[in-house]
PDB file of N, CA and C in Angstrom:
ATOM      1  N   MET A   1       0.847  -1.186   0.000  1.00  0.00           N
ATOM      2  CA  MET A   1       0.000   0.000   0.000  1.00  0.00           C
ATOM      3  C   MET A   1       0.888   1.244   0.000  1.00  0.00           C
ATOM      4  N   LYS A   2       0.489   2.238  -0.775  1.00  0.00           N
ATOM      5  CA  LYS A   2       1.228   3.498  -0.826  1.00  0.00           C
ATOM      6  C   LYS A   2       0.764   4.417   0.299  1.00  0.00           C
ATOM      7  N   HIS A   3       1.696   5.221   0.777  1.00  0.00           N
ATOM      8  CA  HIS A   3       1.420   6.116   1.894  1.00  0.00           C
ATOM      9  C   HIS A   3       1.556   7.572   1.460  1.00  0.00           C
ATOM     10  N   ILE A   4       0.627   8.403   1.927  1.00  0.00           N
ATOM     11  CA  ILE A   4       0.655   9.842   1.669  1.00  0.00           C
ATOM     12  C   ILE A   4       0.694  10.566   3.006  1.00  0.00           C
ATOM     13  N   MET A   5       1.586  11.542   3.104  1.00  0.00           N
ATOM     14  CA  MET A   5       1.709  12.384   4.299  1.00  0.00           C
ATOM     15  C   MET A   5       1.035  13.719   4.014  1.00  0.00           C
ATOM     16  N   ILE A   6       0.032  14.084   4.822  1.00  0.00           N
ATOM     17  CA  ILE A   6      -0.696  15.347   4.677  1.00  0.00           C
ATOM     18  C   ILE A   6      -0.300  16.234   5.848  1.00  0.00           C
ATOM     19  N   ILE A   7       0.318  17.377   5.542  1.00  0.00           N
ATOM     20  CA  ILE A   7       0.826  18.263   6.590  1.00  0.00           C
ATOM     21  C   ILE A   7       0.154  19.622   6.451  1.00  0.00           C
ATOM     22  N   ASP A   8      -0.735  19.925   7.382  1.00  0.00           N
ATOM     23  CA  ASP A   8      -1.473  21.190   7.374  1.00  0.00           C
ATOM     24  C   ASP A   8      -1.961  21.451   8.788  1.00  0.00           C
ATOM     25  N   ASP A   9      -1.936  22.704   9.210  1.00  0.00           N
ATOM     26  CA  ASP A   9      -2.384  23.015  10.569  1.00  0.00           C
ATOM     27  C   ASP A   9      -3.899  23.014  10.704  1.00  0.00           C
ATOM     28  N   SER A  10      -4.621  22.918   9.595  1.00  0.00           N
ATOM     29  CA  SER A  10      -6.079  22.887   9.631  1.00  0.00           C
ATOM     30  C   SER A  10      -6.590  21.443   9.556  1.00  0.00           C
ATOM     31  N   PRO A  11      -7.263  20.962  10.608  1.00  0.00           N
ATOM     32  CA  PRO A  11      -7.837  19.614  10.548  1.00  0.00           C
ATOM     33  C   PRO A  11      -8.841  19.470   9.408  1.00  0.00           C
ATOM     34  N   THR A  12      -9.559  20.540   9.106  1.00  0.00           N
ATOM     35  CA  THR A  12     -10.545  20.508   8.022  1.00  0.00           C
ATOM     36  C   THR A  12      -9.865  20.261   6.682  1.00  0.00           C
ATOM     37  N   ILE A  13      -8.754  20.935   6.431  1.00  0.00           N
ATOM     38  CA  ILE A  13      -8.022  20.736   5.175  1.00  0.00           C
ATOM     39  C   ILE A  13      -7.454  19.321   5.119  1.00  0.00           C
ATOM     40  N   ARG A  14      -6.871  18.853   6.211  1.00  0.00           N
ATOM     41  CA  ARG A  14      -6.320  17.489   6.219  1.00  0.00           C
ATOM     42  C   ARG A  14      -7.399  16.467   5.871  1.00  0.00           C
ATOM     43  N   MET A  15      -8.578  16.613   6.456  1.00  0.00           N
ATOM     44  CA  MET A  15      -9.668  15.675   6.175  1.00  0.00           C
ATOM     45  C   MET A  15     -10.197  15.843   4.750  1.00  0.00           C
ATOM     46  N   SER A  16     -10.221  17.072   4.247  1.00  0.00           N
ATOM     47  CA  SER A  16     -10.673  17.320   2.872  1.00  0.00           C
ATOM     48  C   SER A  16      -9.741  16.661   1.862  1.00  0.00           C
ATOM     49  N   VAL A  17      -8.444  16.755   2.105  1.00  0.00           N
ATOM     50  CA  VAL A  17      -7.472  16.110   1.217  1.00  0.00           C
ATOM     51  C   VAL A  17      -7.639  14.596   1.288  1.00  0.00           C
ATOM     52  N   GLU A  18      -7.761  14.074   2.486  1.00  0.00           N
ATOM     53  CA  GLU A  18      -7.943  12.629   2.634  1.00  0.00           C
ATOM     54  C   GLU A  18      -9.207  12.170   1.913  1.00  0.00           C
ATOM     55  N   TYR A  19     -10.285  12.910   2.061  1.00  0.00           N
ATOM     56  CA  TYR A  19     -11.534  12.573   1.373  1.00  0.00           C
ATOM     57  C   TYR A  19     -11.343  12.600  -0.148  1.00  0.00           C
ATOM     58  N   ALA A  20     -10.677  13.642  -0.648  1.00  0.00           N
ATOM     59  CA  ALA A  20     -10.476  13.778  -2.097  1.00  0.00           C
ATOM     60  C   ALA A  20      -9.684  12.609  -2.666  1.00  0.00           C
ATOM     61  N   LEU A  21      -8.763  12.067  -1.882  1.00  0.00           N
ATOM     62  CA  LEU A  21      -7.884  11.006  -2.375  1.00  0.00           C
ATOM     63  C   LEU A  21      -8.304   9.612  -1.913  1.00  0.00           C
ATOM     64  N   SER A  22      -9.404   9.519  -1.192  1.00  0.00           N
ATOM     65  CA  SER A  22      -9.805   8.250  -0.573  1.00  0.00           C
ATOM     66  C   SER A  22     -10.032   7.127  -1.578  1.00  0.00           C
ATOM     67  N   GLY A  23     -10.438   7.437  -2.775  1.00  0.00           N
ATOM     68  CA  GLY A  23     -10.708   6.406  -3.768  1.00  0.00           C
ATOM     69  C   GLY A  23      -9.471   5.803  -4.403  1.00  0.00           C
ATOM     70  N   LEU A  24      -8.295   6.349  -4.100  1.00  0.00           N
ATOM     71  CA  LEU A  24      -7.065   5.863  -4.719  1.00  0.00           C
ATOM     72  C   LEU A  24      -6.404   4.728  -3.936  1.00  0.00           C
ATOM     73  N   GLY A  25      -6.912   4.444  -2.740  1.00  0.00           N
ATOM     74  CA  GLY A  25      -6.403   3.315  -1.976  1.00  0.00           C
ATOM     75  C   GLY A  25      -5.105   3.547  -1.226  1.00  0.00           C
ATOM     76  N   PHE A  26      -4.810   4.771  -0.857  1.00  0.00           N
ATOM     77  CA  PHE A  26      -3.594   5.087  -0.110  1.00  0.00           C
ATOM     78  C   PHE A  26      -3.850   5.045   1.389  1.00  0.00           C
ATOM     79  N   SER A  27      -2.804   4.805   2.131  1.00  0.00           N
ATOM     80  CA  SER A  27      -2.840   4.977   3.574  1.00  0.00           C
ATOM     81  C   SER A  27      -2.454   6.430   3.849  1.00  0.00           C
ATOM     82  N   MET A  28      -3.290   7.148   4.579  1.00  0.00           N
ATOM     83  CA  MET A  28      -3.068   8.578   4.831  1.00  0.00           C
ATOM     84  C   MET A  28      -2.512   8.795   6.232  1.00  0.00           C
ATOM     85  N   HIS A  29      -1.543   9.682   6.318  1.00  0.00           N
ATOM     86  CA  HIS A  29      -0.946  10.066   7.590  1.00  0.00           C
ATOM     87  C   HIS A  29      -1.040  11.576   7.710  1.00  0.00           C
ATOM     88  N   HIS A  30      -1.276  12.070   8.916  1.00  0.00           N
ATOM     89  CA  HIS A  30      -1.494  13.502   9.132  1.00  0.00           C
ATOM     90  C   HIS A  30      -0.462  14.073  10.091  1.00  0.00           C
ATOM     91  N   ALA A  31      -0.136  15.354   9.878  1.00  0.00           N
ATOM     92  CA  ALA A  31       0.655  16.131  10.834  1.00  0.00           C
ATOM     93  C   ALA A  31       0.178  17.566  10.737  1.00  0.00           C
ATOM     94  N   GLU A  32       0.286  18.311  11.854  1.00  0.00           N
ATOM     95  CA  GLU A  32      -0.232  19.679  11.852  1.00  0.00           C
ATOM     96  C   GLU A  32       0.839  20.741  11.690  1.00  0.00           C
ATOM     97  N   ASN A  33       2.098  20.329  11.514  1.00  0.00           N
ATOM     98  CA  ASN A  33       3.161  21.283  11.187  1.00  0.00           C
ATOM     99  C   ASN A  33       4.332  20.515  10.582  1.00  0.00           C
ATOM    100  N   GLY A  34       5.276  21.253  10.025  1.00  0.00           N
ATOM    101  CA  GLY A  34       6.394  20.618   9.339  1.00  0.00           C
ATOM    102  C   GLY A  34       7.256  19.750  10.235  1.00  0.00           C
ATOM    103  N   SER A  35       7.469  20.182  11.467  1.00  0.00           N
ATOM    104  CA  SER A  35       8.282  19.412  12.403  1.00  0.00           C
ATOM    105  C   SER A  35       7.641  18.055  12.696  1.00  0.00           C
ATOM    106  N   ASP A  36       6.347  18.064  12.989  1.00  0.00           N
ATOM    107  CA  ASP A  36       5.626  16.805  13.217  1.00  0.00           C
ATOM    108  C   ASP A  36       5.614  15.957  11.950  1.00  0.00           C
ATOM    109  N   GLY A  37       5.518  16.608  10.791  1.00  0.00           N
ATOM    110  CA  GLY A  37       5.532  15.896   9.518  1.00  0.00           C
ATOM    111  C   GLY A  37       6.839  15.153   9.291  1.00  0.00           C
ATOM    112  N   LEU A  38       7.963  15.816   9.578  1.00  0.00           N
ATOM    113  CA  LEU A  38       9.264  15.158   9.441  1.00  0.00           C
ATOM    114  C   LEU A  38       9.358  13.947  10.362  1.00  0.00           C
ATOM    115  N   GLU A  39       8.877  14.098  11.576  1.00  0.00           N
ATOM    116  CA  GLU A  39       8.915  12.997  12.540  1.00  0.00           C
ATOM    117  C   GLU A  39       8.037  11.831  12.080  1.00  0.00           C
ATOM    118  N   GLU A  40       6.854  12.137  11.564  1.00  0.00           N
ATOM    119  CA  GLU A  40       5.942  11.084  11.092  1.00  0.00           C
ATOM    120  C   GLU A  40       6.531  10.361   9.880  1.00  0.00           C
ATOM    121  N   VAL A  41       7.139  11.106   8.951  1.00  0.00           N
ATOM    122  CA  VAL A  41       7.780  10.474   7.791  1.00  0.00           C
ATOM    123  C   VAL A  41       8.894   9.542   8.267  1.00  0.00           C
ATOM    124  N   LYS A  42       9.678   9.998   9.217  1.00  0.00           N
ATOM    125  CA  LYS A  42      10.756   9.173   9.779  1.00  0.00           C
ATOM    126  C   LYS A  42      10.187   7.893  10.393  1.00  0.00           C
ATOM    127  N   ASN A  43       9.078   8.012  11.119  1.00  0.00           N
ATOM    128  CA  ASN A  43       8.440   6.842  11.724  1.00  0.00           C
ATOM    129  C   ASN A  43       7.939   5.864  10.669  1.00  0.00           C
ATOM    130  N   ILE A  44       7.330   6.393   9.608  1.00  0.00           N
ATOM    131  CA  ILE A  44       6.821   5.533   8.531  1.00  0.00           C
ATOM    132  C   ILE A  44       7.976   4.801   7.862  1.00  0.00           C
ATOM    133  N   LYS A  45       9.021   5.543   7.512  1.00  0.00           N
ATOM    134  CA  LYS A  45      10.179   4.927   6.852  1.00  0.00           C
ATOM    135  C   LYS A  45      10.875   3.925   7.769  1.00  0.00           C
ATOM    136  N   GLY A  46      10.773   4.146   9.075  1.00  0.00           N
ATOM    137  CA  GLY A  46      11.365   3.225  10.045  1.00  0.00           C
ATOM    138  C   GLY A  46      10.723   1.849  10.030  1.00  0.00           C
ATOM    139  N   THR A  47       9.521   1.758   9.483  1.00  0.00           N
ATOM    140  CA  THR A  47       8.842   0.465   9.367  1.00  0.00           C
ATOM    141  C   THR A  47       9.192  -0.234   8.055  1.00  0.00           C
ATOM    142  N   GLY A  48      10.065   0.390   7.258  1.00  0.00           N
ATOM    143  CA  GLY A  48      10.461  -0.191   5.983  1.00  0.00           C
ATOM    144  C   GLY A  48       9.551   0.178   4.830  1.00  0.00           C
ATOM    145  N   VAL A  49       8.669   1.130   5.059  1.00  0.00           N
ATOM    146  CA  VAL A  49       7.709   1.559   4.039  1.00  0.00           C
ATOM    147  C   VAL A  49       8.085   2.958   3.565  1.00  0.00           C
ATOM    148  N   ASP A  50       7.963   3.191   2.275  1.00  0.00           N
ATOM    149  CA  ASP A  50       8.239   4.523   1.741  1.00  0.00           C
ATOM    150  C   ASP A  50       6.971   5.353   1.666  1.00  0.00           C
ATOM    151  N   VAL A  51       7.144   6.645   1.764  1.00  0.00           N
ATOM    152  CA  VAL A  51       6.053   7.597   1.559  1.00  0.00           C
ATOM    153  C   VAL A  51       6.043   7.936   0.071  1.00  0.00           C
ATOM    154  N   ALA A  52       4.889   7.798  -0.580  1.00  0.00           N
ATOM    155  CA  ALA A  52       4.782   8.046  -2.014  1.00  0.00           C
ATOM    156  C   ALA A  52       4.658   9.527  -2.334  1.00  0.00           C
ATOM    157  N   LEU A  53       4.125  10.323  -1.383  1.00  0.00           N
ATOM    158  CA  LEU A  53       3.859  11.738  -1.631  1.00  0.00           C
ATOM    159  C   LEU A  53       3.687  12.461  -0.306  1.00  0.00           C
ATOM    160  N   CYS A  54       4.211  13.683  -0.238  1.00  0.00           N
ATOM    161  CA  CYS A  54       3.928  14.588   0.879  1.00  0.00           C
ATOM    162  C   CYS A  54       3.123  15.756   0.330  1.00  0.00           C
ATOM    163  N   ILE A  55       2.051  16.110   1.008  1.00  0.00           N
ATOM    164  CA  ILE A  55       1.244  17.279   0.671  1.00  0.00           C
ATOM    165  C   ILE A  55       1.378  18.231   1.844  1.00  0.00           C
ATOM    166  N   VAL A  56       1.851  19.454   1.584  1.00  0.00           N
ATOM    167  CA  VAL A  56       2.213  20.348   2.679  1.00  0.00           C
ATOM    168  C   VAL A  56       1.711  21.773   2.451  1.00  0.00           C
ATOM    169  N   ASP A  57       1.225  22.379   3.520  1.00  0.00           N
ATOM    170  CA  ASP A  57       0.841  23.791   3.525  1.00  0.00           C
ATOM    171  C   ASP A  57       2.105  24.624   3.698  1.00  0.00           C
ATOM    172  N   ILE A  58       2.041  25.900   3.351  1.00  0.00           N
ATOM    173  CA  ILE A  58       3.179  26.799   3.547  1.00  0.00           C
ATOM    174  C   ILE A  58       3.122  27.450   4.922  1.00  0.00           C
ATOM    175  N   ASN A  59       1.994  28.044   5.259  1.00  0.00           N
ATOM    176  CA  ASN A  59       1.867  28.819   6.496  1.00  0.00           C
ATOM    177  C   ASN A  59       1.365  27.949   7.642  1.00  0.00           C
ATOM    178  N   MET A  60       2.304  27.516   8.498  1.00  0.00           N
ATOM    179  CA  MET A  60       1.972  26.697   9.662  1.00  0.00           C
ATOM    180  C   MET A  60       2.839  27.136  10.832  1.00  0.00           C
ATOM    181  N   PRO A  61       2.361  26.895  12.056  1.00  0.00           N
ATOM    182  CA  PRO A  61       3.199  27.187  13.223  1.00  0.00           C
ATOM    183  C   PRO A  61       4.323  26.151  13.363  1.00  0.00           C
ATOM    184  N   VAL A  62       5.257  26.415  14.209  1.00  0.00           N
ATOM    185  CA  VAL A  62       6.393  25.554  14.558  1.00  0.00           C
ATOM    186  C   VAL A  62       7.382  25.438  13.406  1.00  0.00           C
ATOM    187  N   MET A  63       6.984  24.826  12.292  1.00  0.00           N
ATOM    188  CA  MET A  63       7.819  24.746  11.094  1.00  0.00           C
ATOM    189  C   MET A  63       6.936  24.921   9.874  1.00  0.00           C
ATOM    190  N   ASP A  64       7.244  25.932   9.055  1.00  0.00           N
ATOM    191  CA  ASP A  64       6.448  26.202   7.857  1.00  0.00           C
ATOM    192  C   ASP A  64       6.771  25.191   6.758  1.00  0.00           C
ATOM    193  N   GLY A  65       5.984  25.243   5.693  1.00  0.00           N
ATOM    194  CA  GLY A  65       6.125  24.283   4.611  1.00  0.00           C
ATOM    195  C   GLY A  65       7.420  24.388   3.828  1.00  0.00           C
ATOM    196  N   ILE A  66       7.918  25.601   3.599  1.00  0.00           N
ATOM    197  CA  ILE A  66       9.173  25.773   2.861  1.00  0.00           C
ATOM    198  C   ILE A  66      10.322  25.139   3.653  1.00  0.00           C
ATOM    199  N   THR A  67      10.345  25.387   4.955  1.00  0.00           N
ATOM    200  CA  THR A  67      11.382  24.785   5.802  1.00  0.00           C
ATOM    201  C   THR A  67      11.246  23.265   5.810  1.00  0.00           C
ATOM    202  N   PHE A  68      10.006  22.768   5.892  1.00  0.00           N
ATOM    203  CA  PHE A  68       9.783  21.321   5.832  1.00  0.00           C
ATOM    204  C   PHE A  68      10.390  20.747   4.559  1.00  0.00           C
ATOM    205  N   ILE A  69      10.095  21.372   3.418  1.00  0.00           N
ATOM    206  CA  ILE A  69      10.591  20.851   2.141  1.00  0.00           C
ATOM    207  C   ILE A  69      12.116  20.808   2.144  1.00  0.00           C
ATOM    208  N   GLY A  70      12.745  21.888   2.589  1.00  0.00           N
ATOM    209  CA  GLY A  70      14.204  21.928   2.638  1.00  0.00           C
ATOM    210  C   GLY A  70      14.788  20.830   3.512  1.00  0.00           C
ATOM    211  N   GLU A  71      14.198  20.624   4.687  1.00  0.00           N
ATOM    212  CA  GLU A  71      14.669  19.574   5.597  1.00  0.00           C
ATOM    213  C   GLU A  71      14.395  18.183   5.026  1.00  0.00           C
ATOM    214  N   PHE A  72      13.228  17.996   4.453  1.00  0.00           N
ATOM    215  CA  PHE A  72      12.852  16.712   3.859  1.00  0.00           C
ATOM    216  C   PHE A  72      13.799  16.350   2.719  1.00  0.00           C
ATOM    217  N   ARG A  73      14.158  17.336   1.905  1.00  0.00           N
ATOM    218  CA  ARG A  73      15.026  17.101   0.754  1.00  0.00           C
ATOM    219  C   ARG A  73      16.459  16.733   1.155  1.00  0.00           C
ATOM    220  N   LYS A  74      16.847  16.999   2.381  1.00  0.00           N
ATOM    221  CA  LYS A  74      18.181  16.606   2.841  1.00  0.00           C
ATOM    222  C   LYS A  74      18.332  15.091   2.890  1.00  0.00           C
ATOM    223  N   THR A  75      17.227  14.384   3.078  1.00  0.00           N
ATOM    224  CA  THR A  75      17.282  12.923   3.180  1.00  0.00           C
ATOM    225  C   THR A  75      16.482  12.211   2.091  1.00  0.00           C
ATOM    226  N   ASP A  76      15.690  12.947   1.342  1.00  0.00           N
ATOM    227  CA  ASP A  76      14.851  12.335   0.300  1.00  0.00           C
ATOM    228  C   ASP A  76      14.730  13.300  -0.869  1.00  0.00           C
ATOM    229  N   ARG A  77      15.466  13.020  -1.922  1.00  0.00           N
ATOM    230  CA  ARG A  77      15.464  13.918  -3.081  1.00  0.00           C
ATOM    231  C   ARG A  77      14.385  13.573  -4.100  1.00  0.00           C
ATOM    232  N   PHE A  78      13.766  12.403  -3.980  1.00  0.00           N
ATOM    233  CA  PHE A  78      12.923  11.923  -5.062  1.00  0.00           C
ATOM    234  C   PHE A  78      11.425  11.876  -4.779  1.00  0.00           C
ATOM    235  N   THR A  79      11.016  11.711  -3.539  1.00  0.00           N
ATOM    236  CA  THR A  79       9.587  11.657  -3.232  1.00  0.00           C
ATOM    237  C   THR A  79       8.947  12.998  -3.560  1.00  0.00           C
ATOM    238  N   PRO A  80       7.858  13.005  -4.331  1.00  0.00           N
ATOM    239  CA  PRO A  80       7.209  14.280  -4.678  1.00  0.00           C
ATOM    240  C   PRO A  80       6.650  14.991  -3.447  1.00  0.00           C
ATOM    241  N   VAL A  81       6.754  16.311  -3.470  1.00  0.00           N
ATOM    242  CA  VAL A  81       6.172  17.153  -2.426  1.00  0.00           C
ATOM    243  C   VAL A  81       5.237  18.143  -3.110  1.00  0.00           C
ATOM    244  N   LEU A  82       3.954  18.033  -2.807  1.00  0.00           N
ATOM    245  CA  LEU A  82       2.931  18.911  -3.368  1.00  0.00           C
ATOM    246  C   LEU A  82       2.578  19.974  -2.342  1.00  0.00           C
ATOM    247  N   VAL A  83       2.691  21.230  -2.740  1.00  0.00           N
ATOM    248  CA  VAL A  83       2.324  22.338  -1.859  1.00  0.00           C
ATOM    249  C   VAL A  83       0.843  22.637  -2.061  1.00  0.00           C
ATOM    250  N   LEU A  84       0.095  22.684  -0.958  1.00  0.00           N
ATOM    251  CA  LEU A  84      -1.327  23.036  -0.962  1.00  0.00           C
ATOM    252  C   LEU A  84      -1.479  24.244  -0.054  1.00  0.00           C
ATOM    253  N   THR A  85      -1.737  25.414  -0.636  1.00  0.00           N
ATOM    254  CA  THR A  85      -1.673  26.649   0.138  1.00  0.00           C
ATOM    255  C   THR A  85      -2.563  27.738  -0.447  1.00  0.00           C
ATOM    256  N   THR A  86      -2.717  28.812   0.299  1.00  0.00           N
ATOM    257  CA  THR A  86      -3.408  30.006  -0.202  1.00  0.00           C
ATOM    258  C   THR A  86      -2.426  30.958  -0.863  1.00  0.00           C
ATOM    259  N   GLU A  87      -1.134  30.672  -0.767  1.00  0.00           N
ATOM    260  CA  GLU A  87      -0.083  31.546  -1.305  1.00  0.00           C
ATOM    261  C   GLU A  87      -0.029  31.452  -2.830  1.00  0.00           C
ATOM    262  N   ALA A  88      -0.360  32.546  -3.504  1.00  0.00           N
ATOM    263  CA  ALA A  88      -0.326  32.566  -4.963  1.00  0.00           C
ATOM    264  C   ALA A  88       0.756  33.497  -5.497  1.00  0.00           C
ATOM    265  N   GLU A  89       1.503  34.116  -4.604  1.00  0.00           N
ATOM    266  CA  GLU A  89       2.541  35.067  -4.986  1.00  0.00           C
ATOM    267  C   GLU A  89       3.681  34.338  -5.705  1.00  0.00           C
ATOM    268  N   GLU A  90       4.084  34.866  -6.857  1.00  0.00           N
ATOM    269  CA  GLU A  90       5.111  34.234  -7.681  1.00  0.00           C
ATOM    270  C   GLU A  90       6.420  34.026  -6.918  1.00  0.00           C
ATOM    271  N   LEU A  91       6.788  34.981  -6.078  1.00  0.00           N
ATOM    272  CA  LEU A  91       8.020  34.859  -5.296  1.00  0.00           C
ATOM    273  C   LEU A  91       7.954  33.664  -4.341  1.00  0.00           C
ATOM    274  N   LYS A  92       6.805  33.454  -3.729  1.00  0.00           N
ATOM    275  CA  LYS A  92       6.627  32.327  -2.803  1.00  0.00           C
ATOM    276  C   LYS A  92       6.661  31.001  -3.567  1.00  0.00           C
ATOM    277  N   ILE A  93       6.055  30.971  -4.752  1.00  0.00           N
ATOM    278  CA  ILE A  93       6.075  29.761  -5.581  1.00  0.00           C
ATOM    279  C   ILE A  93       7.511  29.427  -5.978  1.00  0.00           C
ATOM    280  N   LYS A  94       8.271  30.453  -6.360  1.00  0.00           N
ATOM    281  CA  LYS A  94       9.673  30.248  -6.727  1.00  0.00           C
ATOM    282  C   LYS A  94      10.464  29.726  -5.529  1.00  0.00           C
ATOM    283  N   GLU A  95      10.209  30.291  -4.359  1.00  0.00           N
ATOM    284  CA  GLU A  95      10.877  29.843  -3.139  1.00  0.00           C
ATOM    285  C   GLU A  95      10.575  28.360  -2.879  1.00  0.00           C
ATOM    286  N   GLY A  96       9.335  27.962  -3.112  1.00  0.00           N
ATOM    287  CA  GLY A  96       8.960  26.561  -2.948  1.00  0.00           C
ATOM    288  C   GLY A  96       9.668  25.651  -3.936  1.00  0.00           C
ATOM    289  N   ARG A  97       9.759  26.087  -5.176  1.00  0.00           N
ATOM    290  CA  ARG A  97      10.448  25.285  -6.198  1.00  0.00           C
ATOM    291  C   ARG A  97      11.928  25.132  -5.865  1.00  0.00           C
ATOM    292  N   VAL A  98      12.547  26.237  -5.447  1.00  0.00           N
ATOM    293  CA  VAL A  98      13.966  26.188  -5.081  1.00  0.00           C
ATOM    294  C   VAL A  98      14.181  25.217  -3.915  1.00  0.00           C
ATOM    295  N   ALA A  99      13.256  25.203  -2.962  1.00  0.00           N
ATOM    296  CA  ALA A  99      13.357  24.292  -1.813  1.00  0.00           C
ATOM    297  C   ALA A  99      13.181  22.833  -2.229  1.00  0.00           C
ATOM    298  N   GLY A 100      12.467  22.607  -3.339  1.00  0.00           N
ATOM    299  CA  GLY A 100      12.280  21.243  -3.822  1.00  0.00           C
ATOM    300  C   GLY A 100      10.847  20.796  -4.017  1.00  0.00           C
ATOM    301  N   ALA A 101       9.898  21.748  -4.044  1.00  0.00           N
ATOM    302  CA  ALA A 101       8.495  21.385  -4.280  1.00  0.00           C
ATOM    303  C   ALA A 101       8.322  20.819  -5.684  1.00  0.00           C
ATOM    304  N   SER A 102       7.470  19.818  -5.803  1.00  0.00           N
ATOM    305  CA  SER A 102       7.202  19.171  -7.087  1.00  0.00           C
ATOM    306  C   SER A 102       5.980  19.743  -7.787  1.00  0.00           C
ATOM    307  N   GLY A 103       5.080  20.365  -7.026  1.00  0.00           N
ATOM    308  CA  GLY A 103       3.855  20.930  -7.582  1.00  0.00           C
ATOM    309  C   GLY A 103       3.224  21.883  -6.588  1.00  0.00           C
ATOM    310  N   TRP A 104       2.201  22.623  -7.059  1.00  0.00           N
ATOM    311  CA  TRP A 104       1.578  23.684  -6.264  1.00  0.00           C
ATOM    312  C   TRP A 104       0.092  23.716  -6.579  1.00  0.00           C
ATOM    313  N   ILE A 105      -0.751  23.629  -5.556  1.00  0.00           N
ATOM    314  CA  ILE A 105      -2.202  23.763  -5.722  1.00  0.00           C
ATOM    315  C   ILE A 105      -2.685  24.814  -4.734  1.00  0.00           C
ATOM    316  N   LEU A 106      -3.582  25.663  -5.216  1.00  0.00           N
ATOM    317  CA  LEU A 106      -4.129  26.711  -4.352  1.00  0.00           C
ATOM    318  C   LEU A 106      -5.389  26.230  -3.643  1.00  0.00           C
ATOM    319  N   LYS A 107      -5.534  26.672  -2.388  1.00  0.00           N
ATOM    320  CA  LYS A 107      -6.767  26.464  -1.627  1.00  0.00           C
ATOM    321  C   LYS A 107      -7.725  27.588  -1.976  1.00  0.00           C
ATOM    322  N   PRO A 108      -8.998  27.333  -2.022  1.00  0.00           N
ATOM    323  CA  PRO A 108      -9.609  26.010  -1.935  1.00  0.00           C
ATOM    324  C   PRO A 108      -9.378  25.234  -3.227  1.00  0.00           C
ATOM    325  N   PHE A 109      -9.289  23.933  -3.123  1.00  0.00           N
ATOM    326  CA  PHE A 109      -9.024  23.106  -4.295  1.00  0.00           C
ATOM    327  C   PHE A 109     -10.277  22.340  -4.692  1.00  0.00           C
ATOM    328  N   ARG A 110     -10.320  21.988  -5.978  1.00  0.00           N
ATOM    329  CA  ARG A 110     -11.383  21.103  -6.459  1.00  0.00           C
ATOM    330  C   ARG A 110     -10.865  19.667  -6.377  1.00  0.00           C
ATOM    331  N   LYS A 111     -11.727  18.768  -6.002  1.00  0.00           N
ATOM    332  CA  LYS A 111     -11.339  17.367  -5.842  1.00  0.00           C
ATOM    333  C   LYS A 111     -10.661  16.827  -7.098  1.00  0.00           C
ATOM    334  N   GLN A 112     -11.229  17.096  -8.255  1.00  0.00           N
ATOM    335  CA  GLN A 112     -10.669  16.554  -9.494  1.00  0.00           C
ATOM    336  C   GLN A 112      -9.289  17.129  -9.786  1.00  0.00           C
ATOM    337  N   ASP A 113      -9.083  18.410  -9.477  1.00  0.00           N
ATOM    338  CA  ASP A 113      -7.752  19.006  -9.661  1.00  0.00           C
ATOM    339  C   ASP A 113      -6.728  18.303  -8.775  1.00  0.00           C
ATOM    340  N   MET A 114      -7.106  18.055  -7.528  1.00  0.00           N
ATOM    341  CA  MET A 114      -6.207  17.358  -6.604  1.00  0.00           C
ATOM    342  C   MET A 114      -5.887  15.962  -7.128  1.00  0.00           C
ATOM    343  N   LEU A 115      -6.904  15.235  -7.546  1.00  0.00           N
ATOM    344  CA  LEU A 115      -6.691  13.889  -8.081  1.00  0.00           C
ATOM    345  C   LEU A 115      -5.763  13.904  -9.290  1.00  0.00           C
ATOM    346  N   ASN A 116      -5.994  14.838 -10.204  1.00  0.00           N
ATOM    347  CA  ASN A 116      -5.166  14.921 -11.411  1.00  0.00           C
ATOM    348  C   ASN A 116      -3.700  15.150 -11.077  1.00  0.00           C
ATOM    349  N   VAL A 117      -3.437  16.096 -10.188  1.00  0.00           N
ATOM    350  CA  VAL A 117      -2.050  16.412  -9.833  1.00  0.00           C
ATOM    351  C   VAL A 117      -1.401  15.239  -9.100  1.00  0.00           C
ATOM    352  N   VAL A 118      -2.101  14.654  -8.149  1.00  0.00           N
ATOM    353  CA  VAL A 118      -1.546  13.526  -7.396  1.00  0.00           C
ATOM    354  C   VAL A 118      -1.248  12.358  -8.331  1.00  0.00           C
ATOM    355  N   GLN A 119      -2.152  12.062  -9.237  1.00  0.00           N
ATOM    356  CA  GLN A 119      -1.929  10.953 -10.162  1.00  0.00           C
ATOM    357  C   GLN A 119      -0.729  11.213 -11.065  1.00  0.00           C
ATOM    358  N   LYS A 120      -0.511  12.452 -11.465  1.00  0.00           N
ATOM    359  CA  LYS A 120       0.674  12.774 -12.274  1.00  0.00           C
ATOM    360  C   LYS A 120       1.952  12.640 -11.453  1.00  0.00           C
ATOM    361  N   LEU A 121       1.915  13.093 -10.212  1.00  0.00           N
ATOM    362  CA  LEU A 121       3.122  13.081  -9.385  1.00  0.00           C
ATOM    363  C   LEU A 121       3.554  11.680  -8.971  1.00  0.00           C
ATOM    364  N   ILE A 122       2.593  10.803  -8.730  1.00  0.00           N
ATOM    365  CA  ILE A 122       2.979   9.461  -8.278  1.00  0.00           C
ATOM    366  C   ILE A 122       2.630   8.372  -9.283  1.00  0.00           C
ATOM    367  N   ARG A 123       2.143   8.770 -10.423  1.00  0.00           N
ATOM    368  CA  ARG A 123       1.874   7.853 -11.530  1.00  0.00           C
ATOM    369  C   ARG A 123       1.103   6.612 -11.099  1.00  0.00           C
ATOM    370  N   CYS A 124      -0.068   6.873 -10.493  1.00  0.00           N
ATOM    371  CA  CYS A 124      -0.894   5.738 -10.049  1.00  0.00           C
ATOM    372  C   CYS A 124      -2.020   5.478 -11.038  1.00  0.00           C
TER     373      CYS A 124
END
């Protein structure tokens, strides 16, 4: 089974993403900030299972999404990281790409848009 890490400080967004992707048969894991997300990814990988995709918000307490991506990329250069955020500013998008983001979706998202991007990123 493939695993997806959803990192967002909003429980509503985390559940919305899980609902949107529920038909794809993934195991979903949640964290409410980048620091918790890194720890959860480490725990998942510690069981011998890889994470197929991380979906991360930019604006979160403790550790923001850009910092998460930079830290995540230190140990994993290949797993796609999809940014899901309200940030539409070109400078912020560029900052995300430089950090290692694989894609960008704006909130609020449409279910089909999320499915399309996820399917392209993990080729399911």
